[in-house]
Protein backbone atom coordinates (compact mmCIF):
# COMPACT_ATOMS: atom_id res chain seq x y z
CA MET A 1 -1.95 3.78 12.80
CA PRO A 2 1.18 2.03 12.60
CA LYS A 3 1.67 -0.26 15.43
CA PRO A 4 5.11 1.56 17.48
CA GLN A 5 8.25 -0.41 17.56
CA SER A 6 9.39 -2.04 21.00
CA LEU A 7 11.37 0.44 23.34
CA THR A 8 14.83 -0.95 24.40
CA ALA A 9 16.82 0.55 27.70
CA GLU A 10 19.27 2.40 25.29
CA THR A 11 15.89 4.16 23.76
CA TRP A 12 14.37 4.98 26.93
CA LEU A 13 17.86 6.19 27.81
CA LEU A 14 18.42 8.46 24.48
CA LEU A 15 14.37 9.95 25.38
CA LEU A 16 15.60 10.64 28.63
CA ALA A 17 18.90 12.51 27.57
CA LEU A 18 16.76 14.33 24.81
CA SER A 19 14.58 16.02 27.48
CA LEU A 20 17.45 17.18 29.29
CA PRO A 21 18.51 19.36 26.33
CA TRP A 22 15.18 20.33 25.00
CA GLY A 23 13.77 20.80 28.60
CA GLY A 24 16.71 23.08 29.23
CA THR A 25 15.95 25.21 26.13
CA PHE A 26 13.49 26.97 28.19
CA LEU A 27 15.42 27.55 31.35
CA LEU A 28 18.31 29.09 29.08
CA PHE A 29 15.42 31.13 27.08
CA ARG A 30 14.46 32.36 30.90
CA ILE A 31 18.32 33.33 31.56
CA LEU A 32 18.94 34.88 28.09
CA ALA A 33 15.81 36.94 28.03
CA GLN A 34 16.90 39.00 30.84
CA ASP A 35 19.80 40.15 28.54
CA LEU A 36 19.21 39.79 24.86
CA PRO A 37 16.02 40.44 22.61
CA PRO A 38 14.09 37.50 20.92
CA PHE A 39 15.21 37.51 17.38
CA THR A 40 18.97 38.08 18.65
CA ILE A 41 18.63 34.80 20.99
CA VAL A 42 17.01 32.89 18.12
CA LEU A 43 19.58 33.77 15.48
CA ALA A 44 22.59 32.82 17.76
CA ARG A 45 21.03 29.51 18.25
CA THR A 46 20.45 28.46 14.45
CA ALA A 47 23.78 30.13 13.17
CA LEU A 48 25.70 28.47 15.80
CA ALA A 49 24.49 25.23 15.26
CA VAL A 50 24.76 25.24 11.64
CA PRO A 51 28.49 24.53 11.26
CA VAL A 52 28.00 21.79 13.79
CA LEU A 53 25.05 19.78 11.90
CA TYR A 54 26.96 20.75 8.25
CA ALA A 55 30.13 18.86 10.00
CA VAL A 56 27.64 15.95 10.61
CA VAL A 57 26.37 15.51 7.17
CA ARG A 58 30.09 16.06 5.90
CA LEU A 59 31.54 13.26 8.03
CA ARG A 60 28.45 10.74 6.89
CA GLY A 61 29.81 11.45 3.53
CA GLY A 62 26.93 13.71 2.40
CA ARG A 63 26.55 17.09 0.65
CA MET A 64 24.22 19.41 0.62
CA ASP A 65 21.66 18.86 -2.12
CA ILE A 66 18.56 19.84 -0.86
CA PRO A 67 15.48 21.51 -1.95
CA TRP A 68 16.34 24.73 -0.25
CA HIS A 69 12.86 26.44 -1.24
CA ALA A 70 10.88 23.74 0.53
CA LEU A 71 13.19 23.94 3.74
CA MET A 72 12.97 27.84 4.01
CA VAL A 73 9.37 27.38 4.61
CA MET A 74 10.22 24.17 7.18
CA GLY A 75 12.82 26.92 8.67
CA LEU A 76 10.17 29.59 8.91
CA LEU A 77 7.19 27.26 10.40
CA ASN A 78 9.63 24.97 12.66
CA ASN A 79 12.33 27.49 14.16
CA VAL A 80 12.22 31.11 13.12
CA ILE A 81 8.19 31.66 14.50
CA PRO A 82 8.14 29.06 17.28
CA PHE A 83 11.57 29.92 18.82
CA VAL A 84 11.05 33.70 18.66
CA LEU A 85 7.76 33.50 20.32
CA PHE A 86 8.86 31.13 23.09
CA ALA A 87 12.09 33.32 23.10
CA TRP A 88 9.77 36.48 23.97
CA ALA A 89 7.28 34.41 26.62
CA ALA A 90 10.59 33.55 28.38
CA GLY A 91 10.52 37.35 29.49
CA HIS A 92 7.00 37.06 30.98
CA LEU A 93 6.37 33.29 32.20
CA PRO A 94 8.47 30.69 34.21
CA SER A 95 10.35 28.29 31.89
CA GLY A 96 8.49 25.19 33.17
CA LEU A 97 5.09 26.87 32.45
CA ALA A 98 6.30 27.54 28.83
CA ALA A 99 7.20 24.09 28.79
CA ILE A 100 4.08 22.29 29.74
CA LEU A 101 2.39 24.82 27.29
CA ASN A 102 4.59 23.38 24.26
CA ALA A 103 3.45 19.92 25.42
CA ALA A 104 0.29 20.95 23.36
CA THR A 105 2.18 20.64 19.78
CA PRO A 106 0.93 17.06 19.31
CA VAL A 107 -2.59 18.26 19.78
CA MET A 108 -2.37 21.12 17.81
CA THR A 109 -0.72 18.74 14.90
CA VAL A 110 -3.65 16.49 15.07
CA LEU A 111 -5.87 19.15 14.79
CA VAL A 112 -4.02 20.74 11.98
CA LEU A 113 -3.52 17.29 10.06
CA ALA A 114 -7.23 16.35 10.34
CA ALA A 115 -8.25 19.60 9.31
CA PHE A 116 -6.36 19.51 5.86
CA GLY A 117 -7.64 15.48 5.63
CA MET A 118 -4.31 13.72 6.57
CA GLU A 119 -5.35 12.24 9.81
CA ARG A 120 -8.60 10.90 10.68
CA LEU A 121 -9.98 12.39 14.37
CA THR A 122 -11.03 9.20 16.19
CA GLY A 123 -12.89 9.24 19.42
CA LEU A 124 -10.34 8.67 21.40
CA ARG A 125 -8.01 11.54 19.92
CA VAL A 126 -11.44 13.69 20.28
CA THR A 127 -11.02 13.05 23.96
CA GLY A 128 -7.29 13.54 23.87
CA VAL A 129 -7.74 16.90 22.58
CA ALA A 130 -10.37 17.89 24.97
CA LEU A 131 -8.27 16.89 28.00
CA ALA A 132 -5.23 18.75 26.98
CA PHE A 133 -6.95 21.78 26.37
CA ALA A 134 -8.45 21.16 29.59
CA GLY A 135 -5.20 21.36 30.94
CA VAL A 136 -4.59 24.45 29.05
CA ALA A 137 -7.62 26.02 30.55
CA VAL A 138 -5.96 25.10 34.01
CA LEU A 139 -2.53 26.62 33.17
CA ILE A 140 -3.77 29.83 32.21
CA GLY A 141 -6.47 30.10 34.76
CA PRO A 142 -7.75 33.66 35.70
CA ASP A 143 -4.98 35.09 33.33
CA ALA A 144 -7.81 34.49 30.64
CA TRP A 145 -10.10 37.24 32.11
CA THR A 146 -7.39 40.03 32.97
CA GLY A 147 -5.63 40.74 29.81
CA SER A 148 -2.15 40.29 31.59
CA PRO A 149 1.45 40.08 29.74
CA ASP A 150 0.97 36.72 30.89
CA LEU A 151 -1.95 36.01 28.97
CA LEU A 152 -0.33 37.25 26.18
CA ALA A 153 2.94 35.05 26.66
CA GLU A 154 0.54 32.20 27.12
CA LEU A 155 -0.92 32.86 24.18
CA ALA A 156 2.39 32.97 22.16
CA CYS A 157 3.72 29.31 23.50
CA LEU A 158 0.34 27.86 22.15
CA LEU A 159 0.85 29.99 18.65
CA ALA A 160 4.44 28.34 18.85
CA THR A 161 2.71 25.29 19.12
CA LEU A 162 0.22 25.93 16.54
CA SER A 163 3.44 26.63 14.12
CA TYR A 164 4.95 23.56 14.87
CA ALA A 165 1.94 21.56 13.62
CA PHE A 166 2.02 23.38 10.30
CA SER A 167 5.67 22.37 10.08
CA ALA A 168 4.65 18.85 10.66
CA LEU A 169 2.24 19.02 7.72
CA TRP A 170 4.90 20.75 5.18
CA SER A 171 7.61 18.19 6.76
CA ARG A 172 5.63 15.97 4.23
CA ARG A 173 7.02 17.29 1.48
CA LEU A 174 10.16 16.76 2.42
CA GLN A 175 9.48 12.61 2.82
CA GLY A 176 12.71 10.58 1.93
CA LEU A 177 15.36 13.82 2.39
CA ASP A 178 17.84 12.68 4.81
CA PRO A 179 17.24 14.09 8.05
CA PHE A 180 20.53 15.62 8.85
CA LYS A 181 20.84 17.28 5.69
CA ALA A 182 17.01 18.37 6.68
CA ALA A 183 17.97 19.83 9.91
CA CYS A 184 21.54 21.50 8.71
CA GLY A 185 19.31 22.96 5.86
CA GLN A 186 15.95 24.47 8.05
CA LEU A 187 18.64 25.87 10.20
CA ALA A 188 20.73 27.62 7.59
CA CYS A 189 17.29 28.80 6.24
CA SER A 190 16.44 29.73 9.37
CA THR A 191 19.70 31.84 9.95
CA LEU A 192 18.97 33.85 6.67
CA ILE A 193 15.25 34.88 7.75
CA LEU A 194 16.49 36.07 10.78
CA LEU A 195 19.54 37.93 10.13
CA PRO A 196 17.08 41.05 8.49
CA LEU A 197 14.52 40.40 11.43
CA ALA A 198 17.19 41.13 14.31
CA ALA A 199 19.10 44.06 12.55
CA ALA A 200 15.56 45.69 12.06
CA PHE A 201 14.07 44.85 15.53
CA ASP A 202 17.15 44.30 17.56
CA GLN A 203 19.90 45.98 16.18
CA PRO A 204 22.57 43.78 17.98
CA TRP A 205 25.25 45.89 17.41
CA THR A 206 23.70 48.69 19.62
CA LEU A 207 23.28 46.10 22.52
CA PRO A 208 25.98 46.29 25.26
CA MET A 209 28.61 43.39 24.78
CA PRO A 210 26.97 40.00 26.66
CA SER A 211 28.66 38.86 29.77
CA VAL A 212 30.80 35.52 29.96
CA ASN A 213 27.41 33.78 31.62
CA THR A 214 25.49 34.95 28.60
CA TRP A 215 27.99 33.79 25.90
CA ILE A 216 28.10 30.09 27.26
CA ALA A 217 24.00 30.26 27.79
CA LEU A 218 24.23 30.86 23.83
CA LEU A 219 26.80 28.28 23.50
CA VAL A 220 25.00 25.90 25.39
CA LEU A 221 21.73 26.80 23.54
CA ALA A 222 22.82 26.38 20.08
CA LEU A 223 25.39 23.41 20.80
CA VAL A 224 23.87 21.19 23.40
CA CYS A 225 19.61 22.24 23.00
CA THR A 226 19.74 22.39 19.44
CA ALA A 227 22.78 20.39 17.49
CA MET A 228 23.37 17.84 20.12
CA ALA A 229 19.58 17.31 20.44
CA TYR A 230 19.06 16.65 16.90
CA VAL A 231 21.71 14.21 16.63
CA ILE A 232 20.10 12.39 19.57
CA PHE A 233 16.78 12.76 17.89
CA PHE A 234 17.27 11.24 14.56
CA ARG A 235 19.35 8.27 16.85
CA ILE A 236 16.26 7.23 18.42
CA ILE A 237 14.35 7.54 15.45
CA ALA A 238 16.64 5.30 13.82
CA LEU A 239 16.33 2.69 16.74
CA ALA A 240 12.49 3.03 17.56
CA GLY A 241 10.71 4.91 14.87
CA GLY A 242 9.37 8.31 14.73
CA GLY A 243 6.23 6.85 16.71
CA ASN A 244 8.18 6.07 19.85
CA VAL A 245 10.17 9.64 19.57
CA VAL A 246 7.23 11.69 20.09
CA LEU A 247 7.29 10.23 24.21
CA VAL A 248 9.97 12.42 24.79
CA THR A 249 6.95 15.02 24.78
CA PHE A 250 6.11 13.38 28.30
CA LEU A 251 9.28 13.85 29.84
CA ILE A 252 10.19 17.63 28.66
CA PRO A 253 7.93 19.70 31.10
CA VAL A 254 9.00 17.24 34.09
CA THR A 255 12.81 18.08 33.10
CA ALA A 256 12.11 21.78 32.44
CA MET A 257 10.10 22.35 35.65
CA ALA A 258 12.99 20.34 37.63
CA MET A 259 15.44 22.11 36.52
CA ALA A 260 13.77 25.49 36.54
CA SER A 261 12.95 24.65 40.42
CA VAL A 262 16.89 23.98 41.03
CA PHE A 263 18.44 26.51 38.69
CA LEU A 264 16.08 29.71 39.07
CA HIS A 265 13.96 28.41 42.25
CA GLU A 266 10.55 28.89 40.43
CA PRO A 267 7.82 27.31 42.45
CA ILE A 268 6.06 24.19 41.28
CA THR A 269 2.43 25.19 41.94
CA TRP A 270 -0.62 22.82 41.99
CA ALA A 271 -2.16 24.59 38.97
CA ALA A 272 0.96 23.61 36.86
CA LEU A 273 1.25 20.11 38.17
CA GLY A 274 -2.89 19.80 37.49
CA GLY A 275 -2.30 21.13 33.85
CA MET A 276 0.56 18.73 33.24
CA ALA A 277 -1.24 15.68 34.23
CA LEU A 278 -4.27 16.86 32.20
CA ILE A 279 -1.87 17.44 29.13
CA ALA A 280 -0.08 13.86 29.61
CA ALA A 281 -3.83 12.43 29.79
CA GLY A 282 -4.50 14.01 26.69
CA LEU A 283 -1.25 13.03 24.74
CA ALA A 284 -1.61 9.61 26.01
CA ALA A 285 -5.09 9.28 24.50
CA ILE A 286 -3.67 10.72 21.50
CA ASP A 287 -1.02 8.60 21.04
CA GLY A 288 -3.18 5.32 21.77
CA ARG A 289 -0.73 2.31 23.09
CA VAL A 290 -2.12 2.78 26.70
CA VAL A 291 -5.07 1.95 25.54
CA ARG A 292 -4.34 -1.09 23.18
CA MET A 293 -1.94 -2.17 25.97
CA ALA A 294 -5.36 -2.23 28.27
CA ARG A 295 -7.45 -3.60 25.26
CA ARG A 296 -4.65 -6.98 24.88
CA ARG A 297 -5.02 -7.28 28.57
């Protein structure tokens, strides 16, 4: 595994800044799920973010000379499937719990890449996977035996992380592509996929006119939690490399739980804290830098 680059104060601030919109996504999904169906929420998120990212591409002197067919698959795996599943789950789960389950994404990615021979499962990574799944078991708890709607929503969140993992596998076909073009292209492709789905399942033209608060939430979701977040994400990669940007995974559940507690008055349960701690320990083991630092000392 390549050695991660050092983290500066600017990088840490950017990681914290990125955790806020991505953690806030789960809060906004929870709010929007009360008024809008999932395909409509996600369609608005992708469609409104595309012009912003296209403007970024043009300001950087680029053109959209990209492999649209490959980005269509990327948009399906990295946007459409996980966004819709999380948006649907938001109607049944506290947003903090959904954010913690989302932290299983690196675990699923390790398993998928290992299954396809792209990465090797070391003893430390196996330990990390076991710890993370123990954390998921703590989070789900008795719901595993009741067949409740909460269980289906929790499984939907895990299925979303699996889709993210397959998008990481597919993304290897896009190596060398300008990241802003890739982000803009996959969101544009996601919008094209979502248009017929929203028309078929949600029929948004039959829905009541959204309130001002709903429109504000949609704009924040698209412009801040998607377009601006991508800009911060790629800035972190430019400063500290892809190996360090994954550290935001540790911060997202914390910011999501804090915002849900403040704005939605969601309780922070011991099960949530315990599950989050186990998943964080698993992610730390998979990442490996803490163990490497301990060995050096």
